[in-house]
Amino acid sequence: MEKIKYVYYQEGDAWVGWLEAYPDYKSQGMSLEELEENLRDIYAEINTGKIPHIRKIGELALK
């Protein structure tokens, strides 16, 4: 099973979050389980290649 990290927090009654590698694509759910399902949907959409100009987070080694 593939895993990907996500960031989340509770705002009132809703849960808000985004995939760590794709912070531009936020989602929400009324439960943590609903948020996770929405994030899975976003990940699937990103991987279809149909969404143009997806920004990612990289890591730069400094000398």
N, C-alpha and C. Protein backbone atom coordinates (compact mmCIF):
# COMPACT_ATOMS: atom_id res chain seq x y z
N MET A 1 0.84 -1.18 0.00
CA MET A 1 0.00 0.00 0.00
C MET A 1 0.88 1.25 0.00
N GLU A 2 0.64 2.12 -0.93
CA GLU A 2 1.37 3.39 -1.02
C GLU A 2 0.82 4.36 0.02
N LYS A 3 1.70 5.15 0.60
CA LYS A 3 1.29 6.15 1.58
C LYS A 3 1.83 7.51 1.18
N ILE A 4 1.09 8.55 1.56
CA ILE A 4 1.52 9.92 1.32
C ILE A 4 1.12 10.74 2.55
N LYS A 5 1.98 11.66 2.95
CA LYS A 5 1.70 12.48 4.13
C LYS A 5 0.74 13.61 3.80
N TYR A 6 -0.06 13.98 4.80
CA TYR A 6 -0.94 15.13 4.64
C TYR A 6 -0.95 15.94 5.92
N VAL A 7 -1.31 17.20 5.79
CA VAL A 7 -1.39 18.15 6.89
C VAL A 7 -2.87 18.42 7.12
N TYR A 8 -3.29 18.48 8.39
CA TYR A 8 -4.70 18.72 8.65
C TYR A 8 -4.89 19.43 9.99
N TYR A 9 -6.05 20.05 10.12
CA TYR A 9 -6.44 20.68 11.38
C TYR A 9 -7.96 20.76 11.43
N GLN A 10 -8.48 20.94 12.62
CA GLN A 10 -9.92 21.07 12.78
C GLN A 10 -10.27 22.54 12.88
N GLU A 11 -11.27 22.93 12.11
CA GLU A 11 -11.75 24.31 12.11
C GLU A 11 -13.25 24.27 12.38
N GLY A 12 -13.64 24.55 13.61
CA GLY A 12 -15.05 24.41 13.98
C GLY A 12 -15.44 22.95 13.91
N ASP A 13 -16.50 22.65 13.15
CA ASP A 13 -16.96 21.27 12.99
C ASP A 13 -16.29 20.56 11.83
N ALA A 14 -15.52 21.27 11.03
CA ALA A 14 -14.93 20.68 9.82
C ALA A 14 -13.45 20.37 10.01
N TRP A 15 -12.96 19.43 9.22
CA TRP A 15 -11.55 19.10 9.15
C TRP A 15 -11.01 19.63 7.82
N VAL A 16 -9.90 20.34 7.86
CA VAL A 16 -9.30 20.93 6.67
C VAL A 16 -7.91 20.32 6.50
N GLY A 17 -7.53 20.04 5.25
CA GLY A 17 -6.21 19.47 5.04
C GLY A 17 -5.76 19.52 3.60
N TRP A 18 -4.49 19.14 3.39
CA TRP A 18 -3.91 19.10 2.04
C TRP A 18 -2.78 18.07 2.06
N LEU A 19 -2.46 17.58 0.89
CA LEU A 19 -1.34 16.65 0.74
C LEU A 19 -0.05 17.44 0.91
N GLU A 20 0.85 16.94 1.72
CA GLU A 20 2.09 17.66 2.01
C GLU A 20 2.86 18.03 0.74
N ALA A 21 2.87 17.16 -0.23
CA ALA A 21 3.60 17.41 -1.48
C ALA A 21 2.87 18.37 -2.42
N TYR A 22 1.58 18.60 -2.17
CA TYR A 22 0.76 19.45 -3.05
C TYR A 22 -0.06 20.43 -2.20
N PRO A 23 0.58 21.41 -1.58
CA PRO A 23 -0.13 22.29 -0.64
C PRO A 23 -1.16 23.22 -1.28
N ASP A 24 -1.16 23.34 -2.59
CA ASP A 24 -2.13 24.22 -3.25
C ASP A 24 -3.52 23.61 -3.31
N TYR A 25 -3.64 22.32 -3.03
CA TYR A 25 -4.92 21.63 -3.22
C TYR A 25 -5.51 21.25 -1.87
N LYS A 26 -6.20 22.20 -1.25
CA LYS A 26 -6.82 21.97 0.05
C LYS A 26 -8.19 21.33 -0.12
N SER A 27 -8.60 20.62 0.93
CA SER A 27 -9.93 20.02 0.95
C SER A 27 -10.45 20.07 2.37
N GLN A 28 -11.69 19.65 2.54
CA GLN A 28 -12.27 19.61 3.87
C GLN A 28 -13.27 18.48 3.96
N GLY A 29 -13.63 18.13 5.18
CA GLY A 29 -14.64 17.11 5.41
C GLY A 29 -15.25 17.33 6.78
N MET A 30 -16.42 16.77 6.99
CA MET A 30 -17.09 16.90 8.28
C MET A 30 -16.55 15.89 9.30
N SER A 31 -15.75 14.95 8.83
CA SER A 31 -15.04 14.01 9.70
C SER A 31 -13.64 13.82 9.13
N LEU A 32 -12.75 13.29 9.94
CA LEU A 32 -11.40 13.03 9.47
C LEU A 32 -11.42 11.99 8.35
N GLU A 33 -12.31 11.02 8.46
CA GLU A 33 -12.44 10.00 7.41
C GLU A 33 -12.89 10.61 6.09
N GLU A 34 -13.83 11.55 6.14
CA GLU A 34 -14.30 12.21 4.92
C GLU A 34 -13.17 13.05 4.30
N LEU A 35 -12.42 13.75 5.14
CA LEU A 35 -11.27 14.52 4.64
C LEU A 35 -10.27 13.60 3.95
N GLU A 36 -9.96 12.46 4.57
CA GLU A 36 -9.01 11.53 3.97
C GLU A 36 -9.50 11.02 2.62
N GLU A 37 -10.78 10.72 2.51
CA GLU A 37 -11.33 10.27 1.23
C GLU A 37 -11.23 11.37 0.18
N ASN A 38 -11.52 12.61 0.57
CA ASN A 38 -11.39 13.74 -0.36
C ASN A 38 -9.94 13.93 -0.82
N LEU A 39 -8.99 13.73 0.09
CA LEU A 39 -7.58 13.85 -0.27
C LEU A 39 -7.15 12.72 -1.20
N ARG A 40 -7.71 11.53 -1.01
CA ARG A 40 -7.43 10.43 -1.95
C ARG A 40 -7.93 10.78 -3.34
N ASP A 41 -9.10 11.39 -3.41
CA ASP A 41 -9.65 11.82 -4.71
C ASP A 41 -8.75 12.85 -5.37
N ILE A 42 -8.26 13.82 -4.59
CA ILE A 42 -7.36 14.84 -5.13
C ILE A 42 -6.09 14.18 -5.66
N TYR A 43 -5.53 13.25 -4.90
CA TYR A 43 -4.31 12.56 -5.33
C TYR A 43 -4.54 11.82 -6.64
N ALA A 44 -5.67 11.16 -6.76
CA ALA A 44 -6.00 10.45 -8.00
C ALA A 44 -6.10 11.42 -9.17
N GLU A 45 -6.74 12.56 -8.97
CA GLU A 45 -6.87 13.57 -10.03
C GLU A 45 -5.50 14.11 -10.45
N ILE A 46 -4.65 14.38 -9.48
CA ILE A 46 -3.32 14.89 -9.78
C ILE A 46 -2.55 13.89 -10.63
N ASN A 47 -2.68 12.62 -10.33
CA ASN A 47 -1.91 11.59 -11.04
C ASN A 47 -2.47 11.22 -12.40
N THR A 48 -3.60 11.77 -12.80
CA THR A 48 -4.12 11.51 -14.14
C THR A 48 -3.36 12.31 -15.18
N GLY A 49 -2.69 13.39 -14.74
CA GLY A 49 -1.98 14.25 -15.67
C GLY A 49 -2.88 15.27 -16.34
N LYS A 50 -4.13 15.31 -15.95
CA LYS A 50 -5.10 16.23 -16.56
C LYS A 50 -5.06 17.63 -15.95
N ILE A 51 -4.44 17.75 -14.78
CA ILE A 51 -4.35 19.05 -14.12
C ILE A 51 -3.01 19.67 -14.52
N PRO A 52 -3.03 20.82 -15.21
CA PRO A 52 -1.78 21.42 -15.67
C PRO A 52 -1.08 22.23 -14.57
N HIS A 53 0.20 22.38 -14.70
CA HIS A 53 1.02 23.29 -13.87
C HIS A 53 0.92 23.00 -12.38
N ILE A 54 1.01 21.75 -12.01
CA ILE A 54 0.96 21.38 -10.60
C ILE A 54 2.28 21.76 -9.94
N ARG A 55 2.19 22.54 -8.88
CA ARG A 55 3.38 22.93 -8.13
C ARG A 55 3.65 21.88 -7.06
N LYS A 56 4.92 21.57 -6.86
CA LYS A 56 5.33 20.59 -5.86
C LYS A 56 6.34 21.23 -4.92
N ILE A 57 6.58 20.56 -3.81
CA ILE A 57 7.60 21.00 -2.86
C ILE A 57 8.83 20.13 -3.08
N GLY A 58 9.99 20.76 -3.21
CA GLY A 58 11.24 20.04 -3.37
C GLY A 58 12.14 20.31 -2.17
N GLU A 59 13.25 19.62 -2.13
CA GLU A 59 14.22 19.82 -1.06
C GLU A 59 15.56 20.14 -1.70
N LEU A 60 16.19 21.19 -1.24
CA LEU A 60 17.44 21.67 -1.79
C LEU A 60 18.56 21.46 -0.77
N ALA A 61 19.61 20.77 -1.16
CA ALA A 61 20.77 20.59 -0.29
C ALA A 61 21.65 21.83 -0.39
N LEU A 62 22.03 22.37 0.75
CA LEU A 62 22.89 23.55 0.80
C LEU A 62 24.30 23.13 1.15
N LYS A 63 25.27 23.81 0.54
CA LYS A 63 26.68 23.48 0.80
C LYS A 63 27.21 24.25 1.96
